[in-house]
Amino acid sequence: MMQQKTLAGCRARVSTGSFTRTSTVKAHATLLSRPPGSNRQQPPASKQTPQQPQQQLKPYARPPVKSSEEIVAMILGGGPGTDLWPLTNSRAEPAVPFAGLFRLIDVPLSNCIHSGISNIYVLTQYNATSLNRHLSRAYQFLNNVTLIGHGSGFVETLAASQRPGLESKEAWYQGTADAVRRGRGGASGLESKEAWYQGTADAVRRYLYLFDEAKHEGCEDVLIMAADQLYRMDYTQLLNYHRAKGADVTIATTPADEEHATHLGVLTVDRGCNVLEFHEKPPRTQLATMSIDTHEYGFADTAEEAVSKPFVASMGMYVIKRKVLQELLSTRFPKAVDFSRDILALMHGQLKIVAYPHHGYWEDVGSLKDYYAAQMALAADTSRLQLFDREAPLFSEARVLPPSKVYGASVADSLVGDACRVERGSVVKNSVIGSCAYIEKDCFVKDSIIFGADTIDTTESRAEEVARGAIPLGLGHNTRLERAIVDSNARIGPNCVLVNKEGIRDGRNRNLPKGIVIKDGILVVMRGAVIPAGTKV
């Protein structure tokens, strides 16, 4: 019998003020110790939400989770991330940075770890190189670790792969030189209908055979989730709620207003949270028939919130019985592409599908404008996303970097990563500054996101580059940046003004300087771009 292990002394980043440090924490699973209705991350007493779903043991209920082996998590990160372009031009969507230190993928993975889930697959496809690198560096500590019970934990990537019947001449390497030429680990721009994931259900179906392996013989439920959302959740509550309800499928939900509901899956439910209808991205005319009192039904925290958010929206997160999942994908819907559109919308009344009310912050950041807004809220400290939590820190790659240095400059209402330099006379307001960012003297940065760089730039190396006529990494002196995103390793010369002064919403048909894109009114300096001195946009 294998000896139970815990995660002791693993490295994690814990935020402290505007800067961060690397601290030793102990991640401990509590699937056994938490009753079904408890919440490990309780809000303050004044913000307690009495509408939390109460799980009572019924004749049809299954017992709570007792072992990590009973659950397999599948994080879907294989989409092209079109709505987040150009940030996804050379990286997978889950690898997009946020809050100066983290990647989007760190959110569901950290939630899994704190919920005692140690059997985790990440499904990848487009531009997966940096994502694979991050996973191998940041989550190696979880391999061969068991949080609860017995077995061997893991975080593994499942890439869209060529197998018999799924060959494609265009999408796959044609030889050694072609393989080196592509060099990204994901053939963006070389899509193939046969070889690539067509949707969420199709992606999971291709790896159903894994559940026939001996290591998953104890698996009872599969937790499926997206990798482009910001939230904190104790999946223990969701899993035990699913079992207490005796559900075949449980959909994690959040109250939504009309604007957001038109872009999400929307449910109608009865007072027992049983799903009566499910419609993916319904038109406004249909939405008018789907509103409920979300506070009375236990989804909204207050009556005031229910007025502005009268719809029950899917978070794109599902718990499905393993046997039900296998039957749905292999027998009932062998050609289904998406869970929401092709399966769940057709199965209410045939399966026991229930809605799980998630209380707390949740934001889908799969579009550039939503991603930008979420980052600005973090900088302004108006976001409900909790980054400063000693009991449940966000895990990420622990880079060994010096502290940031701000001298003779002003930094207010901002998040600043490690090894940053903000020089004399510069002003930074309501912005997110990623690690290794360099802001030279007399710059003005407002309402902006700077991803930073892969390496530390020294004063000496910058002087050498300038002497050669090159533009160093970061922002050159006397540069102004407003409502902008500067991607990794960008080089912006001195005396630039990047503020979108004409208020352009969509810059596709505009004659913008090379390396600059405007989308949804947000100016983006693309990854590795070189912006000449004096550029004004």
Protein backbone atom coordinates (compact mmCIF):
# COMPACT_ATOMS: atom_id res chain seq x y z
CA MET A 1 0.00 0.00 0.00
CA MET A 2 1.39 3.40 -1.02
CA GLN A 3 2.14 5.83 1.72
CA GLN A 4 0.04 8.95 1.68
CA LYS A 5 1.98 12.11 0.88
CA THR A 6 1.32 15.81 1.23
CA LEU A 7 2.69 18.89 -0.44
CA ALA A 8 5.14 20.21 2.10
CA GLY A 9 7.57 22.99 1.38
CA CYS A 10 6.53 23.47 -2.25
CA ARG A 11 7.32 26.85 -3.72
CA ALA A 12 4.53 29.33 -4.32
CA ARG A 13 4.24 33.04 -4.83
CA VAL A 14 2.48 35.00 -2.10
CA SER A 15 1.63 38.64 -2.77
CA THR A 16 2.70 41.23 -0.22
CA GLY A 17 1.71 44.78 -1.03
CA SER A 18 2.79 46.08 -4.41
CA PHE A 19 5.60 43.58 -4.60
CA THR A 20 5.81 39.84 -4.19
CA ARG A 21 8.08 37.40 -2.50
CA THR A 22 8.60 33.68 -2.77
CA SER A 23 7.46 31.92 0.37
CA THR A 24 7.39 28.33 1.54
CA VAL A 25 3.84 27.19 2.07
CA LYS A 26 2.19 23.91 2.84
CA ALA A 27 -0.68 22.96 0.57
CA HIS A 28 -2.91 20.52 2.36
CA ALA A 29 -5.95 18.70 1.05
CA THR A 30 -9.09 18.75 3.12
CA LEU A 31 -11.56 16.64 1.18
CA LEU A 32 -11.96 14.39 4.21
CA SER A 33 -12.13 17.08 6.84
CA ARG A 34 -14.66 19.41 5.23
CA PRO A 35 -18.38 18.72 5.59
CA PRO A 36 -20.34 19.00 2.32
CA GLY A 37 -21.63 22.50 2.99
CA SER A 38 -18.45 24.06 4.35
CA ASN A 39 -16.23 26.55 2.58
CA ARG A 40 -12.54 26.68 3.31
CA GLN A 41 -12.24 30.27 2.15
CA GLN A 42 -15.08 31.82 4.17
CA PRO A 43 -15.92 35.47 3.49
CA PRO A 44 -16.10 37.87 6.43
CA ALA A 45 -19.10 37.45 8.70
CA SER A 46 -20.76 40.54 7.27
CA LYS A 47 -20.55 39.06 3.79
CA GLN A 48 -21.68 35.54 4.55
CA THR A 49 -24.11 34.29 1.95
CA PRO A 50 -26.92 32.19 3.48
CA GLN A 51 -27.87 30.99 -0.01
CA GLN A 52 -24.96 28.55 -0.22
CA PRO A 53 -26.40 25.24 -1.46
CA GLN A 54 -27.13 22.86 1.40
CA GLN A 55 -26.27 19.25 0.67
CA GLN A 56 -28.46 16.82 2.58
CA LEU A 57 -27.95 13.11 2.28
CA LYS A 58 -30.84 11.63 0.31
CA PRO A 59 -31.52 8.03 -0.80
CA TYR A 60 -30.20 8.85 -4.26
CA ALA A 61 -27.09 10.63 -2.94
CA ARG A 62 -23.56 9.32 -3.12
CA PRO A 63 -21.11 9.74 -0.24
CA PRO A 64 -18.62 12.64 -0.27
CA VAL A 65 -15.24 12.28 -1.98
CA LYS A 66 -12.78 10.30 0.11
CA SER A 67 -9.75 9.98 -2.14
CA SER A 68 -7.97 11.95 -4.83
CA GLU A 69 -8.22 8.88 -7.04
CA GLU A 70 -11.97 9.35 -7.29
CA ILE A 71 -11.61 12.59 -9.27
CA VAL A 72 -9.88 13.45 -12.54
CA ALA A 73 -9.68 17.11 -13.58
CA MET A 74 -9.47 18.09 -17.25
CA ILE A 75 -8.55 21.71 -17.97
CA LEU A 76 -9.38 22.78 -21.51
CA GLY A 77 -6.70 25.07 -22.89
CA GLY A 78 -6.57 24.13 -26.55
CA GLY A 79 -8.62 26.86 -28.23
CA PRO A 80 -7.02 29.44 -30.54
CA GLY A 81 -7.88 32.33 -28.21
CA THR A 82 -9.08 34.47 -31.10
CA ASP A 83 -10.84 37.00 -28.88
CA LEU A 84 -7.63 37.54 -26.88
CA TRP A 85 -5.53 38.15 -29.99
CA PRO A 86 -2.90 39.63 -30.34
CA LEU A 87 -1.87 38.36 -26.88
CA THR A 88 -2.36 34.82 -28.24
CA ASN A 89 -0.41 35.43 -31.42
CA SER A 90 2.57 33.45 -30.12
CA ARG A 91 1.28 31.82 -26.91
CA ALA A 92 -1.62 29.65 -25.83
CA GLU A 93 -4.52 31.41 -24.16
CA PRO A 94 -3.90 29.76 -20.74
CA ALA A 95 -0.31 31.04 -20.85
CA VAL A 96 -1.35 34.71 -21.05
CA PRO A 97 0.11 36.55 -18.02
CA PHE A 98 -2.01 38.32 -15.42
CA ALA A 99 -1.40 40.28 -12.21
CA GLY A 100 2.28 40.73 -13.07
CA LEU A 101 3.38 37.28 -11.88
CA PHE A 102 0.90 34.62 -12.90
CA ARG A 103 -0.53 32.89 -15.96
CA LEU A 104 -4.23 32.26 -16.48
CA ILE A 105 -3.65 28.51 -16.14
CA ASP A 106 -2.44 29.06 -12.57
CA VAL A 107 -6.01 29.81 -11.43
CA PRO A 108 -7.67 26.42 -12.08
CA LEU A 109 -4.50 24.53 -11.16
CA SER A 110 -4.19 26.32 -7.82
CA ASN A 111 -7.87 25.73 -7.14
CA CYS A 112 -7.34 22.03 -7.86
CA ILE A 113 -4.39 21.77 -5.49
CA HIS A 114 -6.20 23.53 -2.63
CA SER A 115 -9.21 21.27 -3.23
CA GLY A 116 -7.13 18.12 -2.90
CA ILE A 117 -7.31 17.20 -6.60
CA SER A 118 -4.00 15.78 -7.80
CA ASN A 119 -4.94 13.93 -11.02
CA ILE A 120 -4.93 16.76 -13.54
CA TYR A 121 -4.83 16.81 -17.34
CA VAL A 122 -4.36 20.02 -19.34
CA LEU A 123 -5.54 19.73 -22.95
CA THR A 124 -3.41 21.87 -25.25
CA GLN A 125 -3.29 22.65 -28.93
CA TYR A 126 -2.42 26.09 -30.34
CA ASN A 127 0.94 27.74 -29.64
CA ALA A 128 1.51 25.40 -26.72
CA THR A 129 5.27 25.76 -26.25
CA SER A 130 5.29 28.42 -23.53
CA LEU A 131 2.33 26.77 -21.79
CA ASN A 132 4.07 23.40 -21.71
CA ARG A 133 7.23 25.05 -20.40
CA HIS A 134 5.32 26.81 -17.64
CA LEU A 135 3.51 23.64 -16.56
CA SER A 136 6.73 21.64 -16.38
CA ARG A 137 8.54 24.31 -14.37
CA ALA A 138 5.75 25.39 -12.03
CA TYR A 139 3.94 22.14 -11.25
CA GLN A 140 6.61 19.50 -11.27
CA PHE A 141 6.22 19.29 -7.48
CA LEU A 142 2.78 17.71 -7.89
CA ASN A 143 4.01 14.69 -9.85
CA ASN A 144 3.90 11.47 -7.80
CA VAL A 145 2.22 13.32 -4.94
CA THR A 146 -1.11 12.23 -3.51
CA LEU A 147 -3.18 14.79 -1.65
CA ILE A 148 -5.82 12.44 -0.25
CA GLY A 149 -5.81 8.66 -0.04
CA HIS A 150 -3.44 6.63 -2.19
CA GLY A 151 -2.13 6.72 -5.73
CA SER A 152 0.19 8.97 -7.67
CA GLY A 153 -0.65 12.56 -8.58
CA PHE A 154 0.29 14.33 -11.79
CA VAL A 155 -0.16 17.34 -14.03
CA GLU A 156 0.07 16.13 -17.62
CA THR A 157 -0.51 17.86 -20.94
CA LEU A 158 -2.67 16.19 -23.57
CA ALA A 159 -1.85 17.72 -26.93
CA ALA A 160 -4.00 17.33 -30.02
CA SER A 161 -2.21 14.43 -31.66
CA GLN A 162 -2.15 12.68 -34.98
CA ARG A 163 -3.59 9.19 -34.75
CA PRO A 164 -5.00 6.73 -37.27
CA GLY A 165 -8.00 8.33 -38.95
CA LEU A 166 -6.95 11.85 -37.90
CA GLU A 167 -4.05 12.51 -40.23
CA SER A 168 -3.57 15.89 -41.89
CA LYS A 169 -0.88 16.82 -44.37
CA GLU A 170 -1.11 20.55 -43.67
CA ALA A 171 -1.06 20.58 -39.88
CA TRP A 172 1.79 18.19 -39.14
CA TYR A 173 5.52 18.33 -39.64
CA GLN A 174 6.51 17.32 -43.16
CA GLY A 175 10.15 16.69 -42.27
CA THR A 176 13.01 17.77 -40.06
CA ALA A 177 13.48 21.20 -41.64
CA ASP A 178 9.74 21.88 -41.53
CA ALA A 179 9.64 20.89 -37.85
CA VAL A 180 12.44 23.32 -36.95
CA ARG A 181 10.88 26.06 -39.07
CA ARG A 182 7.60 25.95 -37.19
CA GLY A 183 9.29 25.77 -33.79
CA ARG A 184 6.22 26.58 -31.69
CA GLY A 185 4.77 23.28 -30.62
CA GLY A 186 1.41 24.27 -32.07
CA ALA A 187 0.73 24.86 -35.74
CA SER A 188 -1.21 28.13 -35.58
CA GLY A 189 -2.35 29.02 -39.09
CA LEU A 190 -2.14 25.37 -40.13
CA GLU A 191 -5.48 24.19 -38.87
CA SER A 192 -6.95 20.87 -39.93
CA LYS A 193 -10.51 19.79 -39.32
CA GLU A 194 -9.49 16.17 -38.88
CA ALA A 195 -6.44 16.52 -36.64
CA TRP A 196 -7.34 19.34 -34.24
CA TYR A 197 -9.84 19.58 -31.43
CA GLN A 198 -13.15 20.80 -32.79
CA GLY A 199 -14.57 21.77 -29.40
CA THR A 200 -14.76 20.87 -25.74
CA ALA A 201 -16.56 17.54 -26.16
CA ASP A 202 -14.38 16.51 -29.09
CA ALA A 203 -11.22 17.25 -27.09
CA VAL A 204 -12.29 15.10 -24.14
CA ARG A 205 -13.55 12.30 -26.40
CA ARG A 206 -10.11 11.86 -27.97
CA TYR A 207 -8.69 10.95 -24.59
CA LEU A 208 -11.49 8.80 -23.22
CA TYR A 209 -9.19 5.79 -23.53
CA LEU A 210 -7.18 7.11 -20.57
CA PHE A 211 -10.05 6.21 -18.24
CA ASP A 212 -9.54 2.57 -19.13
CA GLU A 213 -6.02 2.64 -17.67
CA ALA A 214 -5.37 1.02 -14.32
CA LYS A 215 -4.47 4.30 -12.61
CA HIS A 216 -8.01 5.59 -13.19
CA GLU A 217 -9.94 2.51 -12.16
CA GLY A 218 -11.02 4.34 -8.99
CA CYS A 219 -12.23 7.44 -10.87
CA GLU A 220 -15.91 8.15 -10.33
CA ASP A 221 -16.31 11.76 -11.48
CA VAL A 222 -14.60 13.99 -14.04
CA LEU A 223 -14.25 17.73 -13.42
CA ILE A 224 -14.04 19.65 -16.71
CA MET A 225 -13.22 23.35 -16.74
CA ALA A 226 -11.87 26.20 -18.86
CA ALA A 227 -8.51 27.92 -18.45
CA ASP A 228 -9.49 31.50 -19.31
CA GLN A 229 -11.37 32.52 -16.18
CA LEU A 230 -10.47 34.34 -12.97
CA TYR A 231 -12.06 33.08 -9.75
CA ARG A 232 -11.33 31.22 -6.54
CA MET A 233 -13.32 28.08 -5.84
CA ASP A 234 -13.18 25.17 -3.46
CA TYR A 235 -14.00 22.34 -5.85
CA THR A 236 -14.70 20.16 -2.81
CA GLN A 237 -18.03 21.91 -2.37
CA LEU A 238 -18.90 21.47 -6.03
CA LEU A 239 -17.98 17.77 -6.07
CA ASN A 240 -19.80 16.89 -2.87
CA TYR A 241 -22.83 18.93 -3.95
CA HIS A 242 -22.85 16.91 -7.19
CA ARG A 243 -22.82 13.68 -5.20
CA ALA A 244 -25.35 14.79 -2.60
CA LYS A 245 -27.76 15.67 -5.42
CA GLY A 246 -27.26 12.28 -7.04
CA ALA A 247 -26.58 14.16 -10.29
CA ASP A 248 -25.32 12.77 -13.56
CA VAL A 249 -24.07 16.22 -14.56
CA THR A 250 -23.54 19.32 -12.43
CA ILE A 251 -23.03 22.71 -14.05
CA ALA A 252 -21.25 25.42 -12.04
CA THR A 253 -23.21 28.65 -12.45
CA THR A 254 -23.10 32.32 -11.61
CA PRO A 255 -25.76 35.06 -11.82
CA ALA A 256 -25.37 37.24 -14.92
CA ASP A 257 -26.73 40.42 -16.41
CA GLU A 258 -28.20 40.53 -19.91
CA GLU A 259 -25.00 41.72 -21.59
CA HIS A 260 -22.93 38.83 -20.26
CA ALA A 261 -25.71 36.28 -20.63
CA THR A 262 -25.80 36.70 -24.40
CA HIS A 263 -22.21 35.40 -24.52
CA LEU A 264 -22.67 32.47 -22.12
CA GLY A 265 -24.78 29.36 -21.69
CA VAL A 266 -27.97 30.25 -19.81
CA LEU A 267 -30.08 27.87 -17.71
CA THR A 268 -33.57 27.80 -16.31
CA VAL A 269 -33.93 25.85 -13.06
CA ASP A 270 -36.52 24.83 -10.53
CA ARG A 271 -36.22 25.56 -6.82
CA GLY A 272 -34.20 22.39 -6.33
CA CYS A 273 -31.61 23.69 -8.83
CA ASN A 274 -32.58 21.00 -11.34
CA VAL A 275 -31.88 22.23 -14.87
CA LEU A 276 -35.03 22.61 -16.98
CA GLU A 277 -33.51 24.29 -20.03
CA PHE A 278 -30.04 25.06 -21.33
CA HIS A 279 -29.35 27.44 -24.21
CA GLU A 280 -25.92 28.45 -25.45
CA LYS A 281 -25.58 32.19 -26.15
CA PRO A 282 -29.34 32.81 -26.44
CA PRO A 283 -30.61 35.89 -28.31
CA ARG A 284 -32.10 38.69 -26.24
CA THR A 285 -35.63 37.74 -27.30
CA GLN A 286 -35.15 34.29 -25.79
CA LEU A 287 -33.43 35.67 -22.70
CA ALA A 288 -36.58 37.57 -21.84
CA THR A 289 -38.25 34.24 -21.01
CA MET A 290 -35.36 32.89 -18.91
CA SER A 291 -35.02 35.43 -16.10
CA ILE A 292 -35.70 34.45 -12.47
CA ASP A 293 -35.25 35.94 -9.03
CA THR A 294 -31.67 34.73 -8.68
CA HIS A 295 -31.55 35.74 -5.01
CA GLU A 296 -34.71 33.82 -4.08
CA TYR A 297 -33.40 30.77 -5.94
CA GLY A 298 -30.05 30.96 -4.13
CA PHE A 299 -27.75 32.17 -6.92
CA ALA A 300 -27.34 35.90 -6.18
CA ASP A 301 -26.00 37.08 -2.84
CA THR A 302 -28.49 39.95 -2.41
CA ALA A 303 -31.84 41.10 -3.73
CA GLU A 304 -30.08 44.09 -5.29
CA GLU A 305 -27.72 41.82 -7.21
CA ALA A 306 -30.67 39.75 -8.40
CA VAL A 307 -32.24 42.81 -10.01
CA SER A 308 -29.16 43.49 -12.14
CA LYS A 309 -28.34 39.80 -12.69
CA PRO A 310 -31.59 37.89 -13.30
CA PHE A 311 -30.04 35.06 -15.34
CA VAL A 312 -28.36 31.83 -14.29
CA ALA A 313 -25.26 31.47 -16.49
CA SER A 314 -22.96 28.51 -16.97
CA MET A 315 -19.32 28.99 -15.97
CA GLY A 316 -18.26 26.38 -18.52
CA MET A 317 -17.40 24.04 -15.65
CA TYR A 318 -18.96 20.61 -15.35
CA VAL A 319 -18.79 17.62 -13.04
CA ILE A 320 -19.87 14.49 -14.90
CA LYS A 321 -20.04 10.93 -13.68
CA ARG A 322 -17.27 9.02 -15.39
CA LYS A 323 -19.56 6.33 -16.81
CA VAL A 324 -22.05 8.93 -17.98
CA LEU A 325 -19.27 10.88 -19.70
CA GLN A 326 -18.04 7.79 -21.51
CA GLU A 327 -21.56 6.89 -22.65
CA LEU A 328 -22.37 10.42 -23.82
CA LEU A 329 -19.23 10.87 -25.89
CA SER A 330 -18.82 7.39 -27.31
CA THR A 331 -22.40 6.16 -27.70
CA ARG A 332 -25.11 8.83 -27.53
CA PHE A 333 -23.21 11.70 -29.15
CA PRO A 334 -20.18 10.24 -30.95
CA LYS A 335 -19.96 13.28 -33.25
CA ALA A 336 -20.73 16.01 -30.71
CA VAL A 337 -18.30 18.92 -30.78
CA ASP A 338 -19.22 21.04 -27.73
CA PHE A 339 -20.64 20.03 -24.37
CA SER A 340 -22.86 23.08 -24.08
CA ARG A 341 -24.32 23.27 -27.58
CA ASP A 342 -24.36 19.64 -28.68
CA ILE A 343 -24.98 17.69 -25.47
CA LEU A 344 -26.25 19.63 -22.47
CA ALA A 345 -28.77 21.60 -24.53
CA LEU A 346 -30.34 18.30 -25.62
CA MET A 347 -30.15 16.19 -22.46
CA HIS A 348 -32.27 18.04 -19.89
CA GLY A 349 -35.08 15.71 -18.92
CA GLN A 350 -33.06 12.65 -19.91
CA LEU A 351 -30.25 12.98 -17.37
CA LYS A 352 -30.29 14.42 -13.87
CA ILE A 353 -28.58 17.75 -14.51
CA VAL A 354 -28.32 20.23 -11.66
CA ALA A 355 -26.94 23.74 -11.28
CA TYR A 356 -24.37 24.57 -8.62
CA PRO A 357 -24.57 28.21 -7.41
CA HIS A 358 -21.08 29.68 -7.16
CA HIS A 359 -20.92 32.65 -4.80
CA GLY A 360 -18.01 34.99 -5.22
CA TYR A 361 -15.99 36.63 -7.92
CA TRP A 362 -15.95 35.07 -11.38
CA GLU A 363 -14.87 36.64 -14.64
CA ASP A 364 -14.45 35.16 -18.09
CA VAL A 365 -11.36 36.90 -19.49
CA GLY A 366 -11.43 35.21 -22.88
CA SER A 367 -11.75 38.55 -24.69
CA LEU A 368 -9.27 41.41 -24.76
CA LYS A 369 -11.65 43.98 -23.27
CA ASP A 370 -12.67 41.69 -20.39
CA TYR A 371 -9.05 40.71 -19.74
CA TYR A 372 -8.00 44.37 -19.68
CA ALA A 373 -10.90 45.36 -17.39
CA ALA A 374 -10.09 42.56 -14.93
CA GLN A 375 -6.45 43.62 -14.76
CA MET A 376 -7.36 47.26 -14.19
CA ALA A 377 -9.68 46.23 -11.35
CA LEU A 378 -6.83 44.31 -9.74
CA ALA A 379 -4.58 47.35 -9.99
CA ALA A 380 -7.23 49.67 -8.54
CA ASP A 381 -8.00 47.19 -5.75
CA THR A 382 -11.66 47.09 -6.76
CA SER A 383 -11.56 43.45 -7.86
CA ARG A 384 -13.16 40.76 -5.70
CA LEU A 385 -10.49 38.28 -6.78
CA GLN A 386 -8.42 37.44 -3.72
CA LEU A 387 -4.68 37.31 -4.50
CA PHE A 388 -3.50 37.94 -0.94
CA ASP A 389 -4.43 34.70 0.77
CA ARG A 390 -1.89 32.89 2.93
CA GLU A 391 -4.11 29.85 3.31
CA ALA A 392 -4.72 29.41 -0.42
CA PRO A 393 -2.02 31.17 -2.45
CA LEU A 394 -1.89 31.09 -6.21
CA PHE A 395 0.88 28.81 -7.41
CA SER A 396 3.13 29.71 -10.29
CA GLU A 397 6.69 29.35 -11.50
CA ALA A 398 9.02 30.51 -8.73
CA ARG A 399 11.65 32.52 -10.58
CA VAL A 400 14.76 33.56 -8.64
CA LEU A 401 14.77 37.32 -9.19
CA PRO A 402 15.94 40.38 -7.25
CA PRO A 403 13.46 42.85 -5.77
CA SER A 404 12.03 45.64 -7.85
CA LYS A 405 13.61 49.08 -7.57
CA VAL A 406 11.70 52.36 -7.67
CA TYR A 407 13.81 55.44 -7.11
CA GLY A 408 12.81 59.07 -7.54
CA ALA A 409 9.58 57.87 -9.16
CA SER A 410 5.90 57.62 -8.23
CA VAL A 411 3.97 54.36 -8.34
CA ALA A 412 0.34 54.41 -7.18
CA ASP A 413 -2.56 51.96 -7.31
CA SER A 414 -0.52 49.40 -9.21
CA LEU A 415 0.76 45.84 -9.09
CA VAL A 416 4.49 45.49 -9.64
CA GLY A 417 6.30 42.21 -10.27
CA ASP A 418 9.86 41.18 -9.45
CA ALA A 419 13.10 42.69 -10.80
CA CYS A 420 11.43 45.81 -12.22
CA ARG A 421 13.14 49.18 -12.58
CA VAL A 422 11.23 52.47 -12.48
CA GLU A 423 13.62 55.37 -12.90
CA ARG A 424 13.64 58.92 -11.63
CA GLY A 425 10.82 61.23 -12.67
CA SER A 426 8.55 58.50 -13.95
CA VAL A 427 4.91 58.18 -12.88
CA VAL A 428 2.95 54.91 -12.87
CA LYS A 429 -0.78 55.00 -12.08
CA ASN A 430 -3.36 52.22 -11.96
CA SER A 431 -1.23 49.77 -13.94
CA VAL A 432 0.09 46.21 -13.82
CA ILE A 433 3.84 45.88 -14.31
CA GLY A 434 5.21 42.40 -14.98
CA SER A 435 8.57 41.04 -13.85
CA CYS A 436 11.79 42.42 -15.37
CA ALA A 437 10.03 45.47 -16.81
CA TYR A 438 12.25 48.53 -17.30
CA ILE A 439 10.75 52.03 -17.27
CA GLU A 440 13.31 54.73 -17.92
CA LYS A 441 13.24 58.24 -16.49
CA ASP A 442 10.41 60.73 -17.02
CA CYS A 443 7.92 58.21 -18.37
CA PHE A 444 4.19 58.40 -17.72
CA VAL A 445 2.23 55.13 -17.51
CA LYS A 446 -1.48 55.11 -16.76
CA ASP A 447 -4.20 52.44 -17.00
CA SER A 448 -1.78 50.08 -18.72
CA ILE A 449 -0.39 46.56 -18.55
CA ILE A 450 3.29 45.88 -19.16
CA PHE A 451 4.15 42.19 -19.36
CA GLY A 452 7.86 42.75 -18.77
CA ALA A 453 10.70 40.67 -20.17
CA ASP A 454 12.22 37.21 -20.02
CA THR A 455 15.57 38.53 -18.79
CA ILE A 456 16.90 41.22 -16.48
CA ASP A 457 18.26 44.27 -18.30
CA THR A 458 21.11 46.11 -16.57
CA THR A 459 22.12 49.72 -16.92
CA GLU A 460 25.39 48.65 -18.53
CA SER A 461 23.77 46.39 -21.12
CA ARG A 462 21.27 49.10 -22.02
CA ALA A 463 24.05 51.62 -22.53
CA GLU A 464 25.82 49.19 -24.85
CA GLU A 465 22.66 48.68 -26.90
CA VAL A 466 22.09 52.42 -27.22
CA ALA A 467 25.71 52.86 -28.31
CA ARG A 468 25.06 50.34 -31.11
CA GLY A 469 21.97 52.25 -32.18
CA ALA A 470 19.60 49.61 -30.81
CA ILE A 471 16.54 50.13 -28.63
CA PRO A 472 16.75 48.37 -25.25
CA LEU A 473 13.94 46.35 -23.67
CA GLY A 474 11.15 48.25 -21.97
CA LEU A 475 10.13 51.90 -22.15
CA GLY A 476 12.58 54.55 -23.31
CA HIS A 477 12.81 57.85 -21.45
CA ASN A 478 10.04 60.43 -21.72
CA THR A 479 7.56 57.91 -23.15
CA ARG A 480 3.84 58.23 -22.46
CA LEU A 481 1.62 55.15 -22.26
CA GLU A 482 -2.13 55.18 -21.56
CA ARG A 483 -4.79 52.49 -21.83
CA ALA A 484 -2.31 50.14 -23.42
CA ILE A 485 -0.92 46.62 -23.16
CA VAL A 486 2.78 46.09 -23.83
CA ASP A 487 3.50 42.43 -24.53
CA SER A 488 6.68 40.60 -23.45
CA ASN A 489 10.13 41.68 -24.63
CA ALA A 490 8.85 44.76 -26.45
CA ARG A 491 11.30 47.59 -27.09
CA ILE A 492 9.85 51.10 -27.08
CA GLY A 493 12.15 53.97 -27.94
CA PRO A 494 12.36 57.32 -26.15
CA ASN A 495 9.85 60.16 -26.59
CA CYS A 496 7.03 57.90 -27.77
CA VAL A 497 3.37 58.75 -27.18
CA LEU A 498 1.17 55.65 -27.26
CA VAL A 499 -2.25 56.81 -26.07
CA ASN A 500 -4.62 56.13 -29.01
CA LYS A 501 -5.26 59.87 -29.24
CA GLU A 502 -7.86 59.44 -32.02
CA GLY A 503 -9.92 57.05 -29.91
CA ILE A 504 -9.79 54.27 -32.51
CA ARG A 505 -11.91 51.23 -31.61
CA ASP A 506 -10.69 48.87 -34.32
CA GLY A 507 -7.34 49.52 -35.94
CA ARG A 508 -7.41 46.79 -38.59
CA ASN A 509 -7.93 49.22 -41.46
CA ARG A 510 -5.68 51.93 -40.07
CA ASN A 511 -2.12 52.60 -41.07
CA LEU A 512 -0.61 51.90 -37.65
CA PRO A 513 3.13 51.55 -37.03
CA LYS A 514 4.51 48.03 -37.29
CA GLY A 515 4.11 46.11 -34.05
CA ILE A 516 1.11 48.13 -32.82
CA VAL A 517 -2.49 46.90 -32.84
CA ILE A 518 -5.65 48.62 -31.59
CA LYS A 519 -8.55 46.37 -30.64
CA ASP A 520 -11.63 47.25 -28.59
CA GLY A 521 -10.08 50.69 -28.11
CA ILE A 522 -7.03 49.18 -26.39
CA LEU A 523 -3.59 49.84 -27.85
CA VAL A 524 -1.39 46.74 -27.87
CA VAL A 525 2.35 46.65 -28.50
CA MET A 526 2.97 43.14 -29.76
CA ARG A 527 5.41 40.66 -28.31
CA GLY A 528 9.01 41.44 -29.24
CA ALA A 529 8.01 44.55 -31.21
CA VAL A 530 10.50 47.37 -31.73
CA ILE A 531 8.87 50.80 -31.67
CA PRO A 532 11.14 53.58 -33.01
CA ALA A 533 11.84 56.70 -30.98
CA GLY A 534 9.27 59.45 -31.29
CA THR A 535 6.43 57.19 -32.43
CA LYS A 536 3.03 58.76 -31.77
CA VAL A 537 -0.30 56.93 -31.96
